[in-house]
N, C-alpha and C. Protein backbone atom coordinates (compact mmCIF):
# COMPACT_ATOMS: atom_id res chain seq x y z
N MET A 1 -39.25 -42.91 -65.49
CA MET A 1 -38.64 -44.16 -65.03
C MET A 1 -38.11 -44.94 -66.23
N ALA A 2 -37.19 -45.86 -65.96
CA ALA A 2 -36.69 -46.72 -67.03
C ALA A 2 -37.82 -47.61 -67.52
N LYS A 3 -37.76 -48.05 -68.78
CA LYS A 3 -38.84 -48.84 -69.36
C LYS A 3 -39.05 -50.14 -68.59
N ALA A 4 -40.32 -50.51 -68.46
CA ALA A 4 -40.68 -51.65 -67.62
C ALA A 4 -40.22 -52.96 -68.20
N GLY A 5 -39.93 -53.01 -69.53
CA GLY A 5 -39.56 -54.28 -70.14
C GLY A 5 -38.23 -54.81 -69.69
N GLY A 6 -37.37 -53.97 -69.17
CA GLY A 6 -36.04 -54.42 -68.76
C GLY A 6 -36.03 -54.96 -67.36
N THR A 7 -35.02 -55.73 -67.04
CA THR A 7 -34.89 -56.26 -65.69
C THR A 7 -34.09 -55.30 -64.82
N LEU A 8 -34.31 -55.39 -63.51
CA LEU A 8 -33.56 -54.56 -62.58
C LEU A 8 -32.07 -54.86 -62.65
N ASP A 9 -31.74 -56.13 -62.87
CA ASP A 9 -30.32 -56.50 -62.96
C ASP A 9 -29.66 -55.79 -64.13
N ARG A 10 -30.32 -55.76 -65.28
CA ARG A 10 -29.75 -55.10 -66.45
C ARG A 10 -29.66 -53.60 -66.22
N GLN A 11 -30.68 -53.02 -65.65
CA GLN A 11 -30.65 -51.59 -65.36
C GLN A 11 -29.50 -51.25 -64.42
N SER A 12 -29.34 -52.09 -63.39
CA SER A 12 -28.26 -51.86 -62.44
C SER A 12 -26.90 -51.94 -63.13
N GLN A 13 -26.74 -52.90 -64.04
CA GLN A 13 -25.49 -53.04 -64.78
C GLN A 13 -25.21 -51.78 -65.60
N LEU A 14 -26.23 -51.25 -66.25
CA LEU A 14 -26.05 -50.07 -67.08
C LEU A 14 -25.77 -48.82 -66.25
N VAL A 15 -26.45 -48.71 -65.12
CA VAL A 15 -26.19 -47.57 -64.23
C VAL A 15 -24.76 -47.64 -63.69
N ASP A 16 -24.31 -48.84 -63.31
CA ASP A 16 -22.93 -49.00 -62.83
C ASP A 16 -21.94 -48.59 -63.92
N ALA A 17 -22.21 -49.00 -65.15
CA ALA A 17 -21.33 -48.65 -66.26
C ALA A 17 -21.31 -47.14 -66.46
N ALA A 18 -22.48 -46.52 -66.37
CA ALA A 18 -22.55 -45.07 -66.54
C ALA A 18 -21.77 -44.34 -65.44
N MET A 19 -21.87 -44.82 -64.21
CA MET A 19 -21.12 -44.19 -63.12
C MET A 19 -19.62 -44.32 -63.34
N GLU A 20 -19.18 -45.44 -63.86
CA GLU A 20 -17.76 -45.62 -64.14
C GLU A 20 -17.30 -44.69 -65.25
N VAL A 21 -18.14 -44.49 -66.25
CA VAL A 21 -17.79 -43.56 -67.32
C VAL A 21 -17.72 -42.13 -66.79
N ILE A 22 -18.68 -41.76 -65.95
CA ILE A 22 -18.65 -40.42 -65.36
C ILE A 22 -17.38 -40.24 -64.53
N ARG A 23 -17.02 -41.26 -63.78
CA ARG A 23 -15.80 -41.18 -62.97
C ARG A 23 -14.56 -40.99 -63.84
N ASP A 24 -14.50 -41.71 -64.95
CA ASP A 24 -13.30 -41.70 -65.78
C ASP A 24 -13.25 -40.56 -66.79
N ARG A 25 -14.42 -40.11 -67.28
CA ARG A 25 -14.45 -39.12 -68.35
C ARG A 25 -15.13 -37.81 -67.95
N GLY A 26 -15.88 -37.83 -66.86
CA GLY A 26 -16.67 -36.67 -66.48
C GLY A 26 -18.02 -36.69 -67.16
N ILE A 27 -19.01 -36.10 -66.52
CA ILE A 27 -20.36 -36.17 -67.06
C ILE A 27 -20.51 -35.41 -68.37
N VAL A 28 -19.75 -34.33 -68.54
CA VAL A 28 -19.90 -33.54 -69.77
C VAL A 28 -19.36 -34.29 -70.98
N ASN A 29 -18.51 -35.28 -70.76
CA ASN A 29 -17.94 -36.05 -71.86
C ASN A 29 -18.58 -37.43 -72.02
N MET A 30 -19.58 -37.73 -71.21
CA MET A 30 -20.21 -39.04 -71.27
C MET A 30 -21.11 -39.15 -72.49
N ARG A 31 -20.99 -40.23 -73.23
CA ARG A 31 -21.85 -40.51 -74.36
C ARG A 31 -22.49 -41.89 -74.19
N ILE A 32 -23.62 -42.06 -74.84
CA ILE A 32 -24.30 -43.36 -74.78
C ILE A 32 -23.36 -44.47 -75.25
N GLN A 33 -22.57 -44.16 -76.28
CA GLN A 33 -21.64 -45.17 -76.82
C GLN A 33 -20.62 -45.60 -75.76
N ASP A 34 -20.19 -44.64 -74.94
CA ASP A 34 -19.21 -44.96 -73.89
C ASP A 34 -19.81 -45.92 -72.87
N VAL A 35 -21.06 -45.66 -72.50
CA VAL A 35 -21.72 -46.50 -71.51
C VAL A 35 -21.94 -47.90 -72.07
N ALA A 36 -22.38 -47.96 -73.33
CA ALA A 36 -22.61 -49.26 -73.97
C ALA A 36 -21.31 -50.06 -74.04
N ARG A 37 -20.24 -49.39 -74.40
CA ARG A 37 -18.95 -50.08 -74.50
C ARG A 37 -18.50 -50.59 -73.13
N ARG A 38 -18.67 -49.77 -72.11
CA ARG A 38 -18.27 -50.18 -70.76
C ARG A 38 -19.11 -51.35 -70.26
N ALA A 39 -20.40 -51.35 -70.60
CA ALA A 39 -21.30 -52.42 -70.15
C ALA A 39 -21.24 -53.65 -71.04
N GLY A 40 -20.60 -53.53 -72.21
CA GLY A 40 -20.51 -54.65 -73.13
C GLY A 40 -21.82 -54.95 -73.82
N VAL A 41 -22.59 -53.89 -74.11
CA VAL A 41 -23.88 -54.05 -74.79
C VAL A 41 -23.94 -53.09 -75.97
N SER A 42 -25.01 -53.19 -76.75
CA SER A 42 -25.21 -52.27 -77.87
C SER A 42 -25.86 -50.98 -77.37
N THR A 43 -25.74 -49.92 -78.17
CA THR A 43 -26.41 -48.67 -77.80
C THR A 43 -27.92 -48.87 -77.78
N GLY A 44 -28.41 -49.79 -78.59
CA GLY A 44 -29.83 -50.08 -78.59
C GLY A 44 -30.32 -50.58 -77.24
N THR A 45 -29.47 -51.34 -76.55
CA THR A 45 -29.83 -51.83 -75.22
C THR A 45 -29.99 -50.66 -74.25
N ILE A 46 -29.10 -49.69 -74.35
CA ILE A 46 -29.21 -48.50 -73.50
C ILE A 46 -30.55 -47.80 -73.75
N HIS A 47 -30.86 -47.59 -75.02
CA HIS A 47 -32.09 -46.87 -75.37
C HIS A 47 -33.34 -47.67 -75.02
N TYR A 48 -33.22 -48.98 -74.96
CA TYR A 48 -34.37 -49.80 -74.58
C TYR A 48 -34.74 -49.56 -73.13
N HIS A 49 -33.73 -49.42 -72.28
CA HIS A 49 -33.98 -49.26 -70.85
C HIS A 49 -34.13 -47.80 -70.43
N PHE A 50 -33.51 -46.90 -71.18
CA PHE A 50 -33.55 -45.47 -70.84
C PHE A 50 -33.84 -44.69 -72.12
N THR A 51 -34.84 -43.82 -72.08
CA THR A 51 -35.28 -43.15 -73.30
C THR A 51 -34.20 -42.29 -73.93
N ASP A 52 -33.36 -41.65 -73.12
CA ASP A 52 -32.29 -40.81 -73.64
C ASP A 52 -31.23 -40.64 -72.55
N ILE A 53 -30.19 -39.88 -72.85
CA ILE A 53 -29.09 -39.75 -71.90
C ILE A 53 -29.53 -38.99 -70.64
N ASP A 54 -30.48 -38.07 -70.79
CA ASP A 54 -30.97 -37.35 -69.61
C ASP A 54 -31.67 -38.30 -68.64
N ARG A 55 -32.43 -39.24 -69.17
CA ARG A 55 -33.08 -40.22 -68.31
C ARG A 55 -32.05 -41.12 -67.64
N LEU A 56 -31.02 -41.49 -68.37
CA LEU A 56 -29.96 -42.31 -67.79
C LEU A 56 -29.27 -41.56 -66.66
N ILE A 57 -28.97 -40.28 -66.89
CA ILE A 57 -28.31 -39.48 -65.85
C ILE A 57 -29.20 -39.35 -64.63
N TYR A 58 -30.51 -39.17 -64.83
CA TYR A 58 -31.42 -39.07 -63.69
C TYR A 58 -31.42 -40.36 -62.89
N ASP A 59 -31.44 -41.50 -63.59
CA ASP A 59 -31.42 -42.78 -62.87
C ASP A 59 -30.09 -43.01 -62.16
N VAL A 60 -28.99 -42.57 -62.78
CA VAL A 60 -27.69 -42.64 -62.11
C VAL A 60 -27.73 -41.83 -60.82
N HIS A 61 -28.26 -40.63 -60.89
CA HIS A 61 -28.35 -39.77 -59.71
C HIS A 61 -29.20 -40.44 -58.62
N THR A 62 -30.35 -40.97 -59.04
CA THR A 62 -31.26 -41.62 -58.09
C THR A 62 -30.59 -42.82 -57.41
N TRP A 63 -30.00 -43.69 -58.21
CA TRP A 63 -29.38 -44.90 -57.67
C TRP A 63 -28.16 -44.57 -56.82
N ALA A 64 -27.38 -43.58 -57.24
CA ALA A 64 -26.20 -43.21 -56.46
C ALA A 64 -26.61 -42.69 -55.09
N CYS A 65 -27.63 -41.83 -55.05
CA CYS A 65 -28.11 -41.31 -53.76
C CYS A 65 -28.62 -42.43 -52.87
N GLU A 66 -29.37 -43.35 -53.45
CA GLU A 66 -29.91 -44.45 -52.66
C GLU A 66 -28.82 -45.36 -52.10
N ARG A 67 -27.85 -45.67 -52.94
CA ARG A 67 -26.76 -46.55 -52.49
C ARG A 67 -25.93 -45.87 -51.40
N PHE A 68 -25.66 -44.58 -51.60
CA PHE A 68 -24.86 -43.85 -50.62
C PHE A 68 -25.57 -43.79 -49.28
N PHE A 69 -26.87 -43.48 -49.30
CA PHE A 69 -27.59 -43.39 -48.04
C PHE A 69 -27.77 -44.75 -47.39
N ALA A 70 -27.99 -45.78 -48.20
CA ALA A 70 -28.14 -47.13 -47.65
C ALA A 70 -26.89 -47.57 -46.91
N LYS A 71 -25.73 -47.19 -47.44
CA LYS A 71 -24.47 -47.51 -46.77
C LYS A 71 -24.40 -46.82 -45.41
N ARG A 72 -24.85 -45.58 -45.36
CA ARG A 72 -24.81 -44.83 -44.12
C ARG A 72 -25.79 -45.42 -43.10
N MET A 73 -26.95 -45.76 -43.55
CA MET A 73 -27.95 -46.35 -42.66
C MET A 73 -27.46 -47.68 -42.09
N ALA A 74 -26.84 -48.49 -42.95
CA ALA A 74 -26.33 -49.77 -42.48
C ALA A 74 -25.23 -49.57 -41.44
N ALA A 75 -24.39 -48.56 -41.64
CA ALA A 75 -23.30 -48.30 -40.70
C ALA A 75 -23.84 -47.95 -39.32
N VAL A 76 -24.93 -47.21 -39.28
CA VAL A 76 -25.51 -46.79 -38.00
C VAL A 76 -26.22 -47.94 -37.30
N THR A 77 -26.99 -48.70 -38.04
CA THR A 77 -27.82 -49.74 -37.43
C THR A 77 -27.00 -50.90 -36.88
N GLU A 78 -25.74 -50.98 -37.24
CA GLU A 78 -24.87 -52.04 -36.70
C GLU A 78 -24.44 -51.75 -35.27
N GLU A 79 -24.68 -50.54 -34.77
CA GLU A 79 -24.24 -50.15 -33.44
C GLU A 79 -25.43 -49.66 -32.61
N THR A 80 -25.33 -49.83 -31.29
CA THR A 80 -26.37 -49.33 -30.40
C THR A 80 -25.89 -48.15 -29.56
N ASP A 81 -24.57 -47.99 -29.45
CA ASP A 81 -24.00 -46.88 -28.70
C ASP A 81 -23.86 -45.69 -29.65
N ALA A 82 -24.40 -44.54 -29.26
CA ALA A 82 -24.38 -43.36 -30.12
C ALA A 82 -22.96 -42.91 -30.46
N ARG A 83 -22.01 -43.15 -29.59
CA ARG A 83 -20.63 -42.75 -29.87
C ARG A 83 -20.07 -43.55 -31.04
N ASP A 84 -20.36 -44.85 -31.04
CA ASP A 84 -19.92 -45.68 -32.16
C ASP A 84 -20.68 -45.31 -33.44
N GLN A 85 -21.96 -44.99 -33.29
CA GLN A 85 -22.74 -44.57 -34.45
C GLN A 85 -22.17 -43.30 -35.07
N LEU A 86 -21.77 -42.36 -34.22
CA LEU A 86 -21.24 -41.10 -34.71
C LEU A 86 -19.95 -41.32 -35.51
N VAL A 87 -19.08 -42.15 -35.00
CA VAL A 87 -17.84 -42.44 -35.71
C VAL A 87 -18.13 -43.12 -37.04
N ARG A 88 -19.04 -44.07 -37.04
CA ARG A 88 -19.39 -44.77 -38.28
C ARG A 88 -20.04 -43.83 -39.28
N MET A 89 -20.86 -42.91 -38.80
CA MET A 89 -21.47 -41.93 -39.67
C MET A 89 -20.41 -41.09 -40.37
N ILE A 90 -19.46 -40.62 -39.63
CA ILE A 90 -18.41 -39.78 -40.20
C ILE A 90 -17.60 -40.56 -41.23
N ARG A 91 -17.28 -41.79 -40.91
CA ARG A 91 -16.48 -42.60 -41.83
C ARG A 91 -17.25 -42.96 -43.11
N SER A 92 -18.56 -43.11 -42.98
CA SER A 92 -19.36 -43.50 -44.16
C SER A 92 -19.81 -42.30 -44.98
N GLY A 93 -19.57 -41.09 -44.48
CA GLY A 93 -20.03 -39.90 -45.18
C GLY A 93 -19.07 -39.33 -46.18
N LEU A 94 -17.90 -39.94 -46.29
CA LEU A 94 -16.88 -39.46 -47.23
C LEU A 94 -16.62 -40.51 -48.30
N PRO A 95 -16.19 -40.08 -49.49
CA PRO A 95 -15.82 -41.07 -50.51
C PRO A 95 -14.67 -41.93 -50.02
N GLU A 96 -14.64 -43.18 -50.46
CA GLU A 96 -13.56 -44.07 -50.06
C GLU A 96 -12.23 -43.63 -50.65
N SER A 97 -12.29 -43.00 -51.82
CA SER A 97 -11.10 -42.49 -52.50
C SER A 97 -11.56 -41.60 -53.63
N ALA A 98 -10.60 -41.06 -54.38
CA ALA A 98 -10.95 -40.25 -55.54
C ALA A 98 -11.61 -41.08 -56.64
N ASP A 99 -11.54 -42.39 -56.53
CA ASP A 99 -12.12 -43.29 -57.54
C ASP A 99 -13.48 -43.85 -57.13
N ASP A 100 -14.08 -43.31 -56.08
CA ASP A 100 -15.37 -43.78 -55.61
C ASP A 100 -16.44 -43.35 -56.63
N ALA A 101 -16.86 -44.28 -57.48
CA ALA A 101 -17.74 -43.94 -58.60
C ALA A 101 -19.09 -43.40 -58.15
N VAL A 102 -19.62 -43.93 -57.06
CA VAL A 102 -20.93 -43.47 -56.58
C VAL A 102 -20.87 -42.00 -56.18
N VAL A 103 -19.88 -41.63 -55.39
CA VAL A 103 -19.77 -40.25 -54.92
C VAL A 103 -19.38 -39.32 -56.07
N VAL A 104 -18.47 -39.75 -56.92
CA VAL A 104 -18.08 -38.91 -58.05
C VAL A 104 -19.30 -38.60 -58.92
N ALA A 105 -20.15 -39.59 -59.15
CA ALA A 105 -21.35 -39.36 -59.97
C ALA A 105 -22.24 -38.30 -59.34
N MET A 106 -22.45 -38.37 -58.03
CA MET A 106 -23.30 -37.38 -57.37
C MET A 106 -22.71 -35.98 -57.48
N TYR A 107 -21.40 -35.87 -57.25
CA TYR A 107 -20.76 -34.56 -57.34
C TYR A 107 -20.78 -34.02 -58.76
N GLU A 108 -20.49 -34.85 -59.73
CA GLU A 108 -20.48 -34.41 -61.12
C GLU A 108 -21.87 -33.90 -61.53
N ILE A 109 -22.90 -34.62 -61.17
CA ILE A 109 -24.26 -34.22 -61.53
C ILE A 109 -24.62 -32.89 -60.87
N ASP A 110 -24.24 -32.72 -59.61
CA ASP A 110 -24.52 -31.48 -58.92
C ASP A 110 -23.68 -30.32 -59.46
N LEU A 111 -22.40 -30.59 -59.70
CA LEU A 111 -21.47 -29.53 -60.09
C LEU A 111 -21.79 -28.94 -61.46
N TYR A 112 -22.22 -29.77 -62.37
CA TYR A 112 -22.42 -29.29 -63.73
C TYR A 112 -23.86 -28.92 -64.01
N GLY A 113 -24.53 -28.40 -62.99
CA GLY A 113 -25.77 -27.69 -63.19
C GLY A 113 -27.05 -28.48 -63.17
N ARG A 114 -26.98 -29.81 -63.11
CA ARG A 114 -28.23 -30.56 -63.15
C ARG A 114 -29.14 -30.18 -61.98
N ALA A 115 -28.56 -30.08 -60.78
CA ALA A 115 -29.37 -29.77 -59.61
C ALA A 115 -29.92 -28.35 -59.65
N ARG A 116 -29.21 -27.43 -60.30
CA ARG A 116 -29.68 -26.05 -60.40
C ARG A 116 -30.72 -25.87 -61.50
N GLU A 117 -30.54 -26.59 -62.60
CA GLU A 117 -31.39 -26.37 -63.77
C GLU A 117 -32.59 -27.29 -63.84
N ASP A 118 -32.53 -28.43 -63.20
CA ASP A 118 -33.60 -29.42 -63.31
C ASP A 118 -34.21 -29.66 -61.93
N PRO A 119 -35.48 -29.32 -61.75
CA PRO A 119 -36.11 -29.49 -60.43
C PRO A 119 -36.05 -30.93 -59.92
N ALA A 120 -36.10 -31.91 -60.84
CA ALA A 120 -36.06 -33.31 -60.41
C ALA A 120 -34.73 -33.64 -59.75
N HIS A 121 -33.64 -33.16 -60.35
CA HIS A 121 -32.32 -33.39 -59.75
C HIS A 121 -32.17 -32.59 -58.46
N SER A 122 -32.72 -31.38 -58.44
CA SER A 122 -32.66 -30.57 -57.23
C SER A 122 -33.34 -31.26 -56.06
N LEU A 123 -34.48 -31.89 -56.33
CA LEU A 123 -35.19 -32.61 -55.28
C LEU A 123 -34.38 -33.80 -54.76
N LEU A 124 -33.69 -34.51 -55.66
CA LEU A 124 -32.85 -35.63 -55.23
C LEU A 124 -31.74 -35.15 -54.31
N THR A 125 -31.10 -34.05 -54.69
CA THR A 125 -30.00 -33.51 -53.88
C THR A 125 -30.50 -33.06 -52.52
N GLN A 126 -31.62 -32.34 -52.50
CA GLN A 126 -32.17 -31.88 -51.23
C GLN A 126 -32.61 -33.05 -50.36
N ALA A 127 -33.24 -34.04 -50.98
CA ALA A 127 -33.73 -35.19 -50.21
C ALA A 127 -32.58 -35.94 -49.56
N LEU A 128 -31.47 -36.11 -50.29
CA LEU A 128 -30.33 -36.81 -49.72
C LEU A 128 -29.76 -36.02 -48.55
N PHE A 129 -29.63 -34.71 -48.72
CA PHE A 129 -29.13 -33.87 -47.64
C PHE A 129 -30.02 -34.00 -46.41
N ASP A 130 -31.33 -33.87 -46.60
CA ASP A 130 -32.25 -33.90 -45.47
C ASP A 130 -32.25 -35.27 -44.78
N ARG A 131 -32.13 -36.34 -45.53
CA ARG A 131 -32.11 -37.68 -44.94
C ARG A 131 -30.84 -37.89 -44.13
N GLN A 132 -29.74 -37.38 -44.62
CA GLN A 132 -28.49 -37.50 -43.86
C GLN A 132 -28.53 -36.67 -42.59
N VAL A 133 -29.08 -35.47 -42.70
CA VAL A 133 -29.24 -34.63 -41.51
C VAL A 133 -30.12 -35.33 -40.48
N ALA A 134 -31.22 -35.92 -40.93
CA ALA A 134 -32.12 -36.61 -40.01
C ALA A 134 -31.41 -37.78 -39.32
N LEU A 135 -30.55 -38.46 -40.06
CA LEU A 135 -29.82 -39.58 -39.48
C LEU A 135 -28.84 -39.10 -38.42
N TYR A 136 -28.11 -38.03 -38.73
CA TYR A 136 -27.20 -37.45 -37.72
C TYR A 136 -28.00 -36.95 -36.51
N PHE A 137 -29.13 -36.31 -36.78
CA PHE A 137 -29.96 -35.79 -35.69
C PHE A 137 -30.36 -36.90 -34.72
N SER A 138 -30.75 -38.04 -35.27
CA SER A 138 -31.15 -39.16 -34.41
C SER A 138 -29.98 -39.68 -33.58
N VAL A 139 -28.79 -39.70 -34.18
CA VAL A 139 -27.59 -40.13 -33.45
C VAL A 139 -27.29 -39.16 -32.31
N LEU A 140 -27.38 -37.88 -32.59
CA LEU A 140 -27.09 -36.87 -31.57
C LEU A 140 -28.12 -36.92 -30.44
N GLN A 141 -29.36 -37.12 -30.79
CA GLN A 141 -30.41 -37.23 -29.77
C GLN A 141 -30.20 -38.48 -28.91
N LEU A 142 -29.84 -39.57 -29.56
CA LEU A 142 -29.58 -40.80 -28.83
C LEU A 142 -28.40 -40.62 -27.88
N GLY A 143 -27.34 -40.00 -28.38
CA GLY A 143 -26.16 -39.79 -27.55
C GLY A 143 -26.45 -38.92 -26.35
N THR A 144 -27.31 -37.93 -26.54
CA THR A 144 -27.70 -37.07 -25.43
C THR A 144 -28.51 -37.87 -24.41
N GLY A 145 -29.43 -38.68 -24.93
CA GLY A 145 -30.24 -39.51 -24.04
C GLY A 145 -29.43 -40.54 -23.29
N GLN A 146 -28.37 -41.06 -23.92
CA GLN A 146 -27.52 -42.05 -23.27
C GLN A 146 -26.52 -41.40 -22.31
N GLY A 147 -26.48 -40.08 -22.28
CA GLY A 147 -25.57 -39.38 -21.37
C GLY A 147 -24.16 -39.21 -21.90
N HIS A 148 -23.94 -39.49 -23.18
CA HIS A 148 -22.60 -39.39 -23.77
C HIS A 148 -22.31 -38.00 -24.34
N PHE A 149 -23.35 -37.31 -24.81
CA PHE A 149 -23.16 -36.01 -25.47
C PHE A 149 -23.80 -34.90 -24.65
N ALA A 150 -23.12 -33.75 -24.64
CA ALA A 150 -23.67 -32.52 -24.07
C ALA A 150 -23.51 -31.46 -25.15
N LEU A 151 -24.50 -31.33 -26.01
CA LEU A 151 -24.38 -30.49 -27.20
C LEU A 151 -24.22 -29.02 -26.85
N THR A 152 -23.33 -28.35 -27.57
CA THR A 152 -23.11 -26.91 -27.39
C THR A 152 -23.90 -26.09 -28.39
N ALA A 153 -24.68 -26.75 -29.23
CA ALA A 153 -25.53 -26.08 -30.22
C ALA A 153 -26.74 -26.97 -30.47
N PRO A 154 -27.80 -26.44 -31.04
CA PRO A 154 -28.98 -27.27 -31.32
C PRO A 154 -28.60 -28.47 -32.19
N ALA A 155 -29.23 -29.59 -31.93
CA ALA A 155 -28.89 -30.83 -32.65
C ALA A 155 -29.05 -30.67 -34.16
N LEU A 156 -30.07 -29.93 -34.59
CA LEU A 156 -30.27 -29.74 -36.03
C LEU A 156 -29.11 -28.97 -36.64
N ASP A 157 -28.65 -27.94 -35.94
CA ASP A 157 -27.51 -27.16 -36.45
C ASP A 157 -26.27 -28.04 -36.59
N VAL A 158 -26.01 -28.84 -35.57
CA VAL A 158 -24.84 -29.72 -35.59
C VAL A 158 -24.96 -30.72 -36.73
N ALA A 159 -26.13 -31.31 -36.89
CA ALA A 159 -26.34 -32.30 -37.94
C ALA A 159 -26.12 -31.70 -39.33
N GLN A 160 -26.66 -30.50 -39.55
CA GLN A 160 -26.49 -29.86 -40.85
C GLN A 160 -25.03 -29.50 -41.11
N ASN A 161 -24.34 -29.05 -40.08
CA ASN A 161 -22.92 -28.73 -40.24
C ASN A 161 -22.08 -29.96 -40.55
N LEU A 162 -22.41 -31.08 -39.92
CA LEU A 162 -21.67 -32.31 -40.18
C LEU A 162 -21.83 -32.75 -41.63
N VAL A 163 -23.05 -32.70 -42.14
CA VAL A 163 -23.26 -33.08 -43.54
C VAL A 163 -22.57 -32.11 -44.48
N ALA A 164 -22.62 -30.81 -44.15
CA ALA A 164 -21.96 -29.82 -45.00
C ALA A 164 -20.44 -30.02 -45.01
N LEU A 165 -19.88 -30.36 -43.87
CA LEU A 165 -18.44 -30.64 -43.81
C LEU A 165 -18.09 -31.85 -44.68
N GLU A 166 -18.91 -32.88 -44.60
CA GLU A 166 -18.67 -34.06 -45.43
C GLU A 166 -18.72 -33.71 -46.91
N ASP A 167 -19.70 -32.89 -47.29
CA ASP A 167 -19.82 -32.50 -48.69
C ASP A 167 -18.58 -31.74 -49.15
N SER A 168 -18.12 -30.82 -48.32
CA SER A 168 -16.96 -30.00 -48.69
C SER A 168 -15.68 -30.84 -48.77
N TYR A 169 -15.42 -31.62 -47.75
CA TYR A 169 -14.21 -32.45 -47.78
C TYR A 169 -14.31 -33.53 -48.85
N GLY A 170 -15.50 -34.03 -49.08
CA GLY A 170 -15.67 -35.02 -50.14
C GLY A 170 -15.25 -34.48 -51.49
N MET A 171 -15.57 -33.20 -51.74
CA MET A 171 -15.17 -32.56 -52.98
C MET A 171 -13.65 -32.56 -53.13
N HIS A 172 -12.95 -32.23 -52.06
CA HIS A 172 -11.49 -32.21 -52.11
C HIS A 172 -10.93 -33.61 -52.35
N ILE A 173 -11.55 -34.60 -51.75
CA ILE A 173 -11.07 -35.98 -51.92
C ILE A 173 -11.19 -36.42 -53.37
N ILE A 174 -12.36 -36.22 -53.98
CA ILE A 174 -12.53 -36.70 -55.35
C ILE A 174 -11.73 -35.86 -56.35
N ASN A 175 -11.36 -34.65 -55.95
CA ASN A 175 -10.51 -33.82 -56.82
C ASN A 175 -9.03 -34.13 -56.64
N GLY A 176 -8.73 -35.07 -55.74
CA GLY A 176 -7.34 -35.49 -55.57
C GLY A 176 -6.47 -34.53 -54.79
N ASN A 177 -7.07 -33.72 -53.93
CA ASN A 177 -6.30 -32.78 -53.12
C ASN A 177 -5.43 -33.56 -52.14
N ARG A 178 -4.12 -33.46 -52.30
CA ARG A 178 -3.20 -34.22 -51.45
C ARG A 178 -3.17 -33.73 -50.01
N SER A 179 -3.66 -32.51 -49.78
CA SER A 179 -3.71 -31.98 -48.41
C SER A 179 -4.88 -32.54 -47.62
N THR A 180 -5.80 -33.22 -48.32
CA THR A 180 -6.99 -33.72 -47.63
C THR A 180 -7.24 -35.19 -47.96
N PRO A 181 -6.33 -36.09 -47.57
CA PRO A 181 -6.62 -37.52 -47.74
C PRO A 181 -7.82 -37.91 -46.88
N VAL A 182 -8.40 -39.04 -47.17
CA VAL A 182 -9.62 -39.46 -46.49
C VAL A 182 -9.44 -39.48 -44.97
N GLU A 183 -8.33 -40.06 -44.51
CA GLU A 183 -8.12 -40.19 -43.07
C GLU A 183 -8.05 -38.82 -42.39
N ARG A 184 -7.40 -37.86 -43.06
CA ARG A 184 -7.29 -36.51 -42.50
C ARG A 184 -8.66 -35.84 -42.43
N CYS A 185 -9.46 -36.02 -43.46
CA CYS A 185 -10.80 -35.44 -43.46
C CYS A 185 -11.66 -36.05 -42.35
N GLN A 186 -11.53 -37.34 -42.13
CA GLN A 186 -12.26 -37.98 -41.05
C GLN A 186 -11.85 -37.38 -39.70
N GLU A 187 -10.56 -37.18 -39.52
CA GLU A 187 -10.06 -36.60 -38.26
C GLU A 187 -10.61 -35.20 -38.04
N LEU A 188 -10.66 -34.40 -39.10
CA LEU A 188 -11.12 -33.02 -38.98
C LEU A 188 -12.61 -32.96 -38.64
N ILE A 189 -13.39 -33.81 -39.28
CA ILE A 189 -14.83 -33.81 -38.99
C ILE A 189 -15.08 -34.34 -37.59
N LEU A 190 -14.35 -35.38 -37.21
CA LEU A 190 -14.49 -35.91 -35.86
C LEU A 190 -14.08 -34.86 -34.83
N GLY A 191 -13.10 -34.05 -35.15
CA GLY A 191 -12.69 -32.98 -34.24
C GLY A 191 -13.82 -31.99 -33.99
N TYR A 192 -14.52 -31.63 -35.06
CA TYR A 192 -15.68 -30.76 -34.89
C TYR A 192 -16.75 -31.45 -34.06
N ALA A 193 -16.98 -32.73 -34.34
CA ALA A 193 -18.00 -33.48 -33.61
C ALA A 193 -17.67 -33.53 -32.11
N ARG A 194 -16.40 -33.73 -31.80
CA ARG A 194 -16.00 -33.75 -30.39
C ARG A 194 -16.28 -32.41 -29.73
N THR A 195 -15.98 -31.33 -30.43
CA THR A 195 -16.16 -29.99 -29.87
C THR A 195 -17.62 -29.71 -29.54
N VAL A 196 -18.51 -30.09 -30.45
CA VAL A 196 -19.92 -29.72 -30.27
C VAL A 196 -20.72 -30.74 -29.45
N THR A 197 -20.13 -31.91 -29.22
CA THR A 197 -20.85 -32.92 -28.41
C THR A 197 -20.29 -33.03 -27.00
N GLY A 198 -19.09 -32.48 -26.76
CA GLY A 198 -18.48 -32.60 -25.45
C GLY A 198 -17.95 -33.98 -25.16
N TRP A 199 -17.82 -34.79 -26.22
CA TRP A 199 -17.31 -36.16 -26.08
C TRP A 199 -15.84 -36.18 -26.44
N ALA A 200 -15.05 -36.88 -25.68
CA ALA A 200 -13.61 -36.89 -25.89
C ALA A 200 -13.22 -37.61 -27.19
N GLY A 201 -14.09 -38.45 -27.69
CA GLY A 201 -13.79 -39.17 -28.92
C GLY A 201 -13.29 -40.57 -28.67
N PRO A 202 -13.14 -41.36 -29.73
CA PRO A 202 -12.69 -42.75 -29.58
C PRO A 202 -11.27 -42.81 -29.03
N SER A 203 -11.00 -43.84 -28.26
CA SER A 203 -9.69 -43.96 -27.64
C SER A 203 -8.61 -44.38 -28.60
N GLU A 204 -8.99 -45.09 -29.72
CA GLU A 204 -7.98 -45.56 -30.64
C GLU A 204 -7.51 -44.44 -31.55
């Protein structure tokens, strides 16, 4: 964990700066000096709160996962109808753009081996996947109970496929693939959701 002497506000500022550096330079090119410069602090301040760059990257991964999932949870809890929840889930599961620092940080950390080589990062990645699947599962179960969905496959299978689709399309979005703008990716995932739930989809 980050050193206890620092405040959460300062840690959050440094993590935000690190995510911006990862977005702009990539994780393999990130240096402590870059983060300090972006945050407007000395390198000593970075080392005070984080023992080394590996610890900083771990905290970036942790905070990015938490923020991403919190956004998804908030999107669902604002609605009581499972159909609206499903649409909000799909919209919140993709990066807002190629410049979405939170999502870029998660992809960069996963792509460049942290999740494969470090069990701590692997657990974060798995936990985020499982939590998202559980959230989709609850939406699908609710929709079935409300009489809106007639699933053509087990709810767990559908939930896992939805998260996997988001992960795949999210990669294309942050890589700037012009064939997969955010709106198009949302339409494609919603199309799959309509097929497996038997719901015609939103009228708009």
